[in-house]
Each structure stands twice: as C-alpha cells, then as structure tokens.
Amino acid sequence: SGPKHRFFNPAWARSLVAQADITACHIFVKQ
C-alpha cells in the first residue's frame, strides 16, 4: 500500500488460498 505501491494481482492471492485449502494451514487475506 501507499503512493508508490507496486502491482498486486488478486490471482496470486487466489492461488495461495487454493494451495492452503488442501492443508490445515490458517489463512488471513489482509489487503
């Protein structure tokens, strides 16, 4: 975040959620 933030693709977050979904890993999508 911030005025000089770098690009973030929500697909990257979705991929990590999918990876964690098959385990017992806790997930927190912050922003």
PDB file of all heavy atoms in Angstrom:
ATOM      1  N   SER A   1       0.835  -1.199   0.000  1.00  0.00           N
ATOM      2  CA  SER A   1       0.000   0.000   0.000  1.00  0.00           C
ATOM      3  C   SER A   1       0.868   1.247   0.000  1.00  0.00           C
ATOM      4  O   SER A   1       2.068   1.184   0.216  1.00  0.00           O
ATOM      5  CB  SER A   1      -0.924   0.004   1.224  1.00  0.00           C
ATOM      6  OG  SER A   1      -0.160  -0.004   2.406  1.00  0.00           O
ATOM      7  N   GLY A   2       0.246   2.362  -0.256  1.00  0.00           N
ATOM      8  CA  GLY A   2       0.944   3.634  -0.251  1.00  0.00           C
ATOM      9  C   GLY A   2       1.040   4.228  -1.640  1.00  0.00           C
ATOM     10  O   GLY A   2       0.729   3.572  -2.639  1.00  0.00           O
ATOM     11  N   PRO A   3       1.492   5.469  -1.731  1.00  0.00           N
ATOM     12  CA  PRO A   3       1.504   6.161  -3.016  1.00  0.00           C
ATOM     13  C   PRO A   3       2.454   5.548  -4.040  1.00  0.00           C
ATOM     14  O   PRO A   3       2.269   5.736  -5.235  1.00  0.00           O
ATOM     15  CB  PRO A   3       1.919   7.587  -2.669  1.00  0.00           C
ATOM     16  CG  PRO A   3       2.507   7.528  -1.310  1.00  0.00           C
ATOM     17  CD  PRO A   3       1.921   6.328  -0.636  1.00  0.00           C
ATOM     18  N   LYS A   4       3.452   4.798  -3.617  1.00  0.00           N
ATOM     19  CA  LYS A   4       4.391   4.171  -4.562  1.00  0.00           C
ATOM     20  C   LYS A   4       4.250   2.651  -4.560  1.00  0.00           C
ATOM     21  O   LYS A   4       5.211   1.930  -4.803  1.00  0.00           O
ATOM     22  CB  LYS A   4       5.823   4.581  -4.223  1.00  0.00           C
ATOM     23  CG  LYS A   4       6.068   6.069  -4.405  1.00  0.00           C
ATOM     24  CD  LYS A   4       7.500   6.429  -4.164  1.00  0.00           C
ATOM     25  CE  LYS A   4       7.682   7.921  -4.364  1.00  0.00           C
ATOM     26  NZ  LYS A   4       9.057   8.338  -4.198  1.00  0.00           N
ATOM     27  N   HIS A   5       3.026   2.178  -4.281  1.00  0.00           N
ATOM     28  CA  HIS A   5       2.807   0.734  -4.211  1.00  0.00           C
ATOM     29  C   HIS A   5       3.104   0.073  -5.552  1.00  0.00           C
ATOM     30  O   HIS A   5       2.954   0.672  -6.611  1.00  0.00           O
ATOM     31  CB  HIS A   5       1.368   0.438  -3.794  1.00  0.00           C
ATOM     32  CG  HIS A   5       0.350   0.816  -4.831  1.00  0.00           C
ATOM     33  ND1 HIS A   5      -0.123   2.089  -4.966  1.00  0.00           N
ATOM     34  CD2 HIS A   5      -0.263   0.084  -5.787  1.00  0.00           C
ATOM     35  CE1 HIS A   5      -0.986   2.145  -5.953  1.00  0.00           C
ATOM     36  NE2 HIS A   5      -1.094   0.924  -6.473  1.00  0.00           N
ATOM     37  N   ARG A   6       3.561  -1.172  -5.444  1.00  0.00           N
ATOM     38  CA  ARG A   6       3.817  -1.972  -6.633  1.00  0.00           C
ATOM     39  C   ARG A   6       2.590  -2.837  -6.942  1.00  0.00           C
ATOM     40  O   ARG A   6       1.742  -3.063  -6.084  1.00  0.00           O
ATOM     41  CB  ARG A   6       5.068  -2.831  -6.431  1.00  0.00           C
ATOM     42  CG  ARG A   6       6.335  -1.957  -6.421  1.00  0.00           C
ATOM     43  CD  ARG A   6       7.539  -2.704  -5.948  1.00  0.00           C
ATOM     44  NE  ARG A   6       7.522  -2.765  -4.478  1.00  0.00           N
ATOM     45  CZ  ARG A   6       8.478  -3.313  -3.743  1.00  0.00           C
ATOM     46  NH1 ARG A   6       9.535  -3.852  -4.323  1.00  0.00           N
ATOM     47  NH2 ARG A   6       8.390  -3.327  -2.433  1.00  0.00           N
ATOM     48  N   PHE A   7       2.519  -3.309  -8.169  1.00  0.00           N
ATOM     49  CA  PHE A   7       1.372  -4.061  -8.661  1.00  0.00           C
ATOM     50  C   PHE A   7       1.107  -5.304  -7.817  1.00  0.00           C
ATOM     51  O   PHE A   7       2.031  -5.999  -7.404  1.00  0.00           O
ATOM     52  CB  PHE A   7       1.624  -4.456 -10.120  1.00  0.00           C
ATOM     53  CG  PHE A   7       0.544  -5.309 -10.711  1.00  0.00           C
ATOM     54  CD1 PHE A   7      -0.677  -4.763 -11.070  1.00  0.00           C
ATOM     55  CD2 PHE A   7       0.743  -6.668 -10.894  1.00  0.00           C
ATOM     56  CE1 PHE A   7      -1.676  -5.553 -11.615  1.00  0.00           C
ATOM     57  CE2 PHE A   7      -0.250  -7.469 -11.438  1.00  0.00           C
ATOM     58  CZ  PHE A   7      -1.465  -6.909 -11.795  1.00  0.00           C
ATOM     59  N   PHE A   8      -0.164  -5.582  -7.597  1.00  0.00           N
ATOM     60  CA  PHE A   8      -0.611  -6.798  -6.926  1.00  0.00           C
ATOM     61  C   PHE A   8      -1.724  -7.408  -7.763  1.00  0.00           C
ATOM     62  O   PHE A   8      -2.690  -6.739  -8.114  1.00  0.00           O
ATOM     63  CB  PHE A   8      -1.139  -6.480  -5.526  1.00  0.00           C
ATOM     64  CG  PHE A   8      -1.721  -7.675  -4.822  1.00  0.00           C
ATOM     65  CD1 PHE A   8      -0.894  -8.575  -4.170  1.00  0.00           C
ATOM     66  CD2 PHE A   8      -3.081  -7.905  -4.818  1.00  0.00           C
ATOM     67  CE1 PHE A   8      -1.423  -9.684  -3.515  1.00  0.00           C
ATOM     68  CE2 PHE A   8      -3.619  -9.010  -4.178  1.00  0.00           C
ATOM     69  CZ  PHE A   8      -2.788  -9.896  -3.531  1.00  0.00           C
ATOM     70  N   ASN A   9      -1.594  -8.690  -8.069  1.00  0.00           N
ATOM     71  CA  ASN A   9      -2.599  -9.397  -8.845  1.00  0.00           C
ATOM     72  C   ASN A   9      -3.403 -10.286  -7.900  1.00  0.00           C
ATOM     73  O   ASN A   9      -2.834 -11.192  -7.274  1.00  0.00           O
ATOM     74  CB  ASN A   9      -1.926 -10.243  -9.926  1.00  0.00           C
ATOM     75  CG  ASN A   9      -2.900 -10.882 -10.867  1.00  0.00           C
ATOM     76  OD1 ASN A   9      -4.066 -11.079 -10.551  1.00  0.00           O
ATOM     77  ND2 ASN A   9      -2.421 -11.218 -12.050  1.00  0.00           N
ATOM     78  N   PRO A  10      -4.708 -10.067  -7.754  1.00  0.00           N
ATOM     79  CA  PRO A  10      -5.515 -10.915  -6.870  1.00  0.00           C
ATOM     80  C   PRO A  10      -5.429 -12.401  -7.213  1.00  0.00           C
ATOM     81  O   PRO A  10      -5.646 -13.244  -6.346  1.00  0.00           O
ATOM     82  CB  PRO A  10      -6.943 -10.384  -7.066  1.00  0.00           C
ATOM     83  CG  PRO A  10      -6.762  -8.975  -7.511  1.00  0.00           C
ATOM     84  CD  PRO A  10      -5.500  -8.976  -8.329  1.00  0.00           C
ATOM     85  N   ALA A  11      -5.066 -12.743  -8.455  1.00  0.00           N
ATOM     86  CA  ALA A  11      -4.891 -14.156  -8.823  1.00  0.00           C
ATOM     87  C   ALA A  11      -3.768 -14.800  -8.008  1.00  0.00           C
ATOM     88  O   ALA A  11      -3.821 -15.998  -7.720  1.00  0.00           O
ATOM     89  CB  ALA A  11      -4.609 -14.293 -10.319  1.00  0.00           C
ATOM     90  N   TRP A  12      -2.768 -14.007  -7.628  1.00  0.00           N
ATOM     91  CA  TRP A  12      -1.687 -14.551  -6.793  1.00  0.00           C
ATOM     92  C   TRP A  12      -2.240 -14.964  -5.434  1.00  0.00           C
ATOM     93  O   TRP A  12      -1.865 -16.009  -4.895  1.00  0.00           O
ATOM     94  CB  TRP A  12      -0.573 -13.525  -6.607  1.00  0.00           C
ATOM     95  CG  TRP A  12       0.046 -13.018  -7.863  1.00  0.00           C
ATOM     96  CD1 TRP A  12       0.048 -13.601  -9.108  1.00  0.00           C
ATOM     97  CD2 TRP A  12       0.764 -11.800  -8.007  1.00  0.00           C
ATOM     98  NE1 TRP A  12       0.732 -12.823 -10.002  1.00  0.00           N
ATOM     99  CE2 TRP A  12       1.183 -11.704  -9.359  1.00  0.00           C
ATOM    100  CE3 TRP A  12       1.107 -10.779  -7.137  1.00  0.00           C
ATOM    101  CZ2 TRP A  12       1.923 -10.635  -9.846  1.00  0.00           C
ATOM    102  CZ3 TRP A  12       1.848  -9.705  -7.617  1.00  0.00           C
ATOM    103  CH2 TRP A  12       2.244  -9.638  -8.962  1.00  0.00           C
ATOM    104  N   ALA A  13      -3.118 -14.150  -4.875  1.00  0.00           N
ATOM    105  CA  ALA A  13      -3.738 -14.478  -3.583  1.00  0.00           C
ATOM    106  C   ALA A  13      -4.638 -15.702  -3.734  1.00  0.00           C
ATOM    107  O   ALA A  13      -4.619 -16.593  -2.876  1.00  0.00           O
ATOM    108  CB  ALA A  13      -4.536 -13.288  -3.063  1.00  0.00           C
ATOM    109  N   ARG A  14      -5.408 -15.742  -4.800  1.00  0.00           N
ATOM    110  CA  ARG A  14      -6.298 -16.893  -5.018  1.00  0.00           C
ATOM    111  C   ARG A  14      -5.499 -18.190  -5.142  1.00  0.00           C
ATOM    112  O   ARG A  14      -5.916 -19.236  -4.638  1.00  0.00           O
ATOM    113  CB  ARG A  14      -7.148 -16.658  -6.254  1.00  0.00           C
ATOM    114  CG  ARG A  14      -8.203 -15.594  -6.035  1.00  0.00           C
ATOM    115  CD  ARG A  14      -9.100 -15.403  -7.260  1.00  0.00           C
ATOM    116  NE  ARG A  14     -10.095 -14.400  -6.944  1.00  0.00           N
ATOM    117  CZ  ARG A  14     -10.015 -13.123  -7.341  1.00  0.00           C
ATOM    118  NH1 ARG A  14      -9.008 -12.719  -8.111  1.00  0.00           N
ATOM    119  NH2 ARG A  14     -10.958 -12.258  -6.995  1.00  0.00           N
ATOM    120  N   SER A  15      -4.360 -18.141  -5.789  1.00  0.00           N
ATOM    121  CA  SER A  15      -3.518 -19.325  -5.913  1.00  0.00           C
ATOM    122  C   SER A  15      -3.018 -19.798  -4.546  1.00  0.00           C
ATOM    123  O   SER A  15      -3.032 -20.993  -4.251  1.00  0.00           O
ATOM    124  CB  SER A  15      -2.329 -19.024  -6.828  1.00  0.00           C
ATOM    125  OG  SER A  15      -1.414 -20.097  -6.820  1.00  0.00           O
ATOM    126  N   LEU A  16      -2.600 -18.860  -3.711  1.00  0.00           N
ATOM    127  CA  LEU A  16      -2.128 -19.225  -2.365  1.00  0.00           C
ATOM    128  C   LEU A  16      -3.267 -19.792  -1.518  1.00  0.00           C
ATOM    129  O   LEU A  16      -3.074 -20.747  -0.761  1.00  0.00           O
ATOM    130  CB  LEU A  16      -1.486 -18.032  -1.676  1.00  0.00           C
ATOM    131  CG  LEU A  16      -0.131 -17.629  -2.233  1.00  0.00           C
ATOM    132  CD1 LEU A  16       0.338 -16.317  -1.601  1.00  0.00           C
ATOM    133  CD2 LEU A  16       0.896 -18.729  -2.015  1.00  0.00           C
ATOM    134  N   VAL A  17      -4.450 -19.214  -1.638  1.00  0.00           N
ATOM    135  CA  VAL A  17      -5.609 -19.731  -0.909  1.00  0.00           C
ATOM    136  C   VAL A  17      -5.889 -21.165  -1.351  1.00  0.00           C
ATOM    137  O   VAL A  17      -6.130 -22.035  -0.516  1.00  0.00           O
ATOM    138  CB  VAL A  17      -6.839 -18.822  -1.120  1.00  0.00           C
ATOM    139  CG1 VAL A  17      -8.111 -19.493  -0.626  1.00  0.00           C
ATOM    140  CG2 VAL A  17      -6.629 -17.475  -0.426  1.00  0.00           C
ATOM    141  N   ALA A  18      -5.833 -21.420  -2.641  1.00  0.00           N
ATOM    142  CA  ALA A  18      -6.062 -22.775  -3.146  1.00  0.00           C
ATOM    143  C   ALA A  18      -5.005 -23.741  -2.628  1.00  0.00           C
ATOM    144  O   ALA A  18      -5.319 -24.879  -2.266  1.00  0.00           O
ATOM    145  CB  ALA A  18      -6.078 -22.777  -4.673  1.00  0.00           C
ATOM    146  N   GLN A  19      -3.753 -23.295  -2.560  1.00  0.00           N
ATOM    147  CA  GLN A  19      -2.687 -24.156  -2.036  1.00  0.00           C
ATOM    148  C   GLN A  19      -2.932 -24.476  -0.561  1.00  0.00           C
ATOM    149  O   GLN A  19      -2.732 -25.606  -0.124  1.00  0.00           O
ATOM    150  CB  GLN A  19      -1.325 -23.476  -2.204  1.00  0.00           C
ATOM    151  CG  GLN A  19      -0.881 -23.336  -3.635  1.00  0.00           C
ATOM    152  CD  GLN A  19       0.366 -22.488  -3.773  1.00  0.00           C
ATOM    153  OE1 GLN A  19       1.361 -22.711  -3.078  1.00  0.00           O
ATOM    154  NE2 GLN A  19       0.328 -21.500  -4.669  1.00  0.00           N
ATOM    155  N   ALA A  20      -3.362 -23.486   0.194  1.00  0.00           N
ATOM    156  CA  ALA A  20      -3.583 -23.682   1.632  1.00  0.00           C
ATOM    157  C   ALA A  20      -4.862 -24.453   1.907  1.00  0.00           C
ATOM    158  O   ALA A  20      -4.977 -25.118   2.937  1.00  0.00           O
ATOM    159  CB  ALA A  20      -3.613 -22.337   2.342  1.00  0.00           C
ATOM    160  N   ASP A  21      -5.842 -24.364   1.007  1.00  0.00           N
ATOM    161  CA  ASP A  21      -7.128 -25.038   1.211  1.00  0.00           C
ATOM    162  C   ASP A  21      -6.996 -26.543   1.342  1.00  0.00           C
ATOM    163  O   ASP A  21      -7.848 -27.178   1.946  1.00  0.00           O
ATOM    164  CB  ASP A  21      -8.087 -24.718   0.065  1.00  0.00           C
ATOM    165  CG  ASP A  21      -9.016 -23.564   0.392  1.00  0.00           C
ATOM    166  OD1 ASP A  21      -9.078 -23.148   1.562  1.00  0.00           O
ATOM    167  OD2 ASP A  21      -9.679 -23.082  -0.535  1.00  0.00           O
ATOM    168  N   ILE A  22      -5.971 -27.133   0.756  1.00  0.00           N
ATOM    169  CA  ILE A  22      -5.838 -28.591   0.814  1.00  0.00           C
ATOM    170  C   ILE A  22      -5.073 -29.044   2.065  1.00  0.00           C
ATOM    171  O   ILE A  22      -4.834 -30.226   2.222  1.00  0.00           O
ATOM    172  CB  ILE A  22      -5.173 -29.138  -0.462  1.00  0.00           C
ATOM    173  CG1 ILE A  22      -3.777 -28.561  -0.639  1.00  0.00           C
ATOM    174  CG2 ILE A  22      -6.027 -28.857  -1.682  1.00  0.00           C
ATOM    175  CD1 ILE A  22      -2.985 -29.202  -1.767  1.00  0.00           C
ATOM    176  N   THR A  23      -4.712 -28.116   2.910  1.00  0.00           N
ATOM    177  CA  THR A  23      -3.996 -28.447   4.146  1.00  0.00           C
ATOM    178  C   THR A  23      -4.751 -27.872   5.336  1.00  0.00           C
ATOM    179  O   THR A  23      -5.835 -27.319   5.196  1.00  0.00           O
ATOM    180  CB  THR A  23      -2.571 -27.852   4.128  1.00  0.00           C
ATOM    181  OG1 THR A  23      -2.669 -26.432   4.253  1.00  0.00           O
ATOM    182  CG2 THR A  23      -1.823 -28.206   2.855  1.00  0.00           C
ATOM    183  N   ALA A  24      -4.146 -27.971   6.483  1.00  0.00           N
ATOM    184  CA  ALA A  24      -4.735 -27.402   7.692  1.00  0.00           C
ATOM    185  C   ALA A  24      -4.190 -26.013   7.979  1.00  0.00           C
ATOM    186  O   ALA A  24      -4.282 -25.515   9.090  1.00  0.00           O
ATOM    187  CB  ALA A  24      -4.457 -28.329   8.879  1.00  0.00           C
ATOM    188  N   CYS A  25      -3.606 -25.375   6.984  1.00  0.00           N
ATOM    189  CA  CYS A  25      -2.988 -24.066   7.161  1.00  0.00           C
ATOM    190  C   CYS A  25      -4.051 -22.985   7.335  1.00  0.00           C
ATOM    191  O   CYS A  25      -5.022 -22.923   6.582  1.00  0.00           O
ATOM    192  CB  CYS A  25      -2.118 -23.758   5.941  1.00  0.00           C
ATOM    193  SG  CYS A  25      -1.156 -22.259   6.090  1.00  0.00           S
ATOM    194  N   HIS A  26      -3.870 -22.129   8.320  1.00  0.00           N
ATOM    195  CA  HIS A  26      -4.768 -20.989   8.543  1.00  0.00           C
ATOM    196  C   HIS A  26      -4.430 -19.902   7.525  1.00  0.00           C
ATOM    197  O   HIS A  26      -3.266 -19.717   7.170  1.00  0.00           O
ATOM    198  CB  HIS A  26      -4.592 -20.425   9.948  1.00  0.00           C
ATOM    199  CG  HIS A  26      -4.876 -21.421  11.024  1.00  0.00           C
ATOM    200  ND1 HIS A  26      -6.139 -21.653  11.497  1.00  0.00           N
ATOM    201  CD2 HIS A  26      -4.057 -22.245  11.702  1.00  0.00           C
ATOM    202  CE1 HIS A  26      -6.092 -22.583  12.442  1.00  0.00           C
ATOM    203  NE2 HIS A  26      -4.840 -22.961  12.583  1.00  0.00           N
ATOM    204  N   ILE A  27      -5.451 -19.167   7.091  1.00  0.00           N
ATOM    205  CA  ILE A  27      -5.263 -18.147   6.059  1.00  0.00           C
ATOM    206  C   ILE A  27      -5.819 -16.816   6.545  1.00  0.00           C
ATOM    207  O   ILE A  27      -6.900 -16.768   7.140  1.00  0.00           O
ATOM    208  CB  ILE A  27      -5.997 -18.529   4.758  1.00  0.00           C
ATOM    209  CG1 ILE A  27      -5.616 -19.928   4.301  1.00  0.00           C
ATOM    210  CG2 ILE A  27      -5.731 -17.507   3.674  1.00  0.00           C
ATOM    211  CD1 ILE A  27      -6.556 -20.485   3.254  1.00  0.00           C
ATOM    212  N   PHE A  28      -5.101 -15.744   6.243  1.00  0.00           N
ATOM    213  CA  PHE A  28      -5.580 -14.391   6.515  1.00  0.00           C
ATOM    214  C   PHE A  28      -5.230 -13.534   5.313  1.00  0.00           C
ATOM    215  O   PHE A  28      -4.063 -13.293   5.037  1.00  0.00           O
ATOM    216  CB  PHE A  28      -4.917 -13.832   7.781  1.00  0.00           C
ATOM    217  CG  PHE A  28      -5.225 -12.387   8.055  1.00  0.00           C
ATOM    218  CD1 PHE A  28      -6.527 -11.961   8.262  1.00  0.00           C
ATOM    219  CD2 PHE A  28      -4.219 -11.454   8.117  1.00  0.00           C
ATOM    220  CE1 PHE A  28      -6.813 -10.632   8.531  1.00  0.00           C
ATOM    221  CE2 PHE A  28      -4.486 -10.117   8.385  1.00  0.00           C
ATOM    222  CZ  PHE A  28      -5.789  -9.712   8.592  1.00  0.00           C
ATOM    223  N   VAL A  29      -6.248 -13.130   4.537  1.00  0.00           N
ATOM    224  CA  VAL A  29      -6.025 -12.208   3.423  1.00  0.00           C
ATOM    225  C   VAL A  29      -6.203 -10.815   3.995  1.00  0.00           C
ATOM    226  O   VAL A  29      -7.297 -10.410   4.356  1.00  0.00           O
ATOM    227  CB  VAL A  29      -6.985 -12.468   2.244  1.00  0.00           C
ATOM    228  CG1 VAL A  29      -6.723 -11.464   1.124  1.00  0.00           C
ATOM    229  CG2 VAL A  29      -6.819 -13.894   1.732  1.00  0.00           C
ATOM    230  N   LYS A  30      -5.100 -10.102   4.079  1.00  0.00           N
ATOM    231  CA  LYS A  30      -5.063  -8.820   4.778  1.00  0.00           C
ATOM    232  C   LYS A  30      -5.580  -7.673   3.928  1.00  0.00           C
ATOM    233  O   LYS A  30      -6.415  -6.889   4.372  1.00  0.00           O
ATOM    234  CB  LYS A  30      -3.627  -8.556   5.231  1.00  0.00           C
ATOM    235  CG  LYS A  30      -3.447  -7.349   6.084  1.00  0.00           C
ATOM    236  CD  LYS A  30      -2.008  -7.294   6.559  1.00  0.00           C
ATOM    237  CE  LYS A  30      -1.733  -6.036   7.337  1.00  0.00           C
ATOM    238  NZ  LYS A  30      -0.335  -5.968   7.729  1.00  0.00           N
ATOM    239  N   GLN A  31      -5.041  -7.533   2.734  1.00  0.00           N
ATOM    240  CA  GLN A  31      -5.431  -6.422   1.862  1.00  0.00           C
ATOM    241  C   GLN A  31      -4.930  -6.678   0.450  1.00  0.00           C
ATOM    242  O   GLN A  31      -4.030  -7.476   0.241  1.00  0.00           O
ATOM    243  CB  GLN A  31      -4.867  -5.101   2.369  1.00  0.00           C
ATOM    244  CG  GLN A  31      -3.351  -5.013   2.275  1.00  0.00           C
ATOM    245  CD  GLN A  31      -2.807  -3.647   2.644  1.00  0.00           C
ATOM    246  OE1 GLN A  31      -3.541  -2.730   2.952  1.00  0.00           O
ATOM    247  NE2 GLN A  31      -1.501  -3.504   2.621  1.00  0.00           N
TER     248      GLN A  31
END
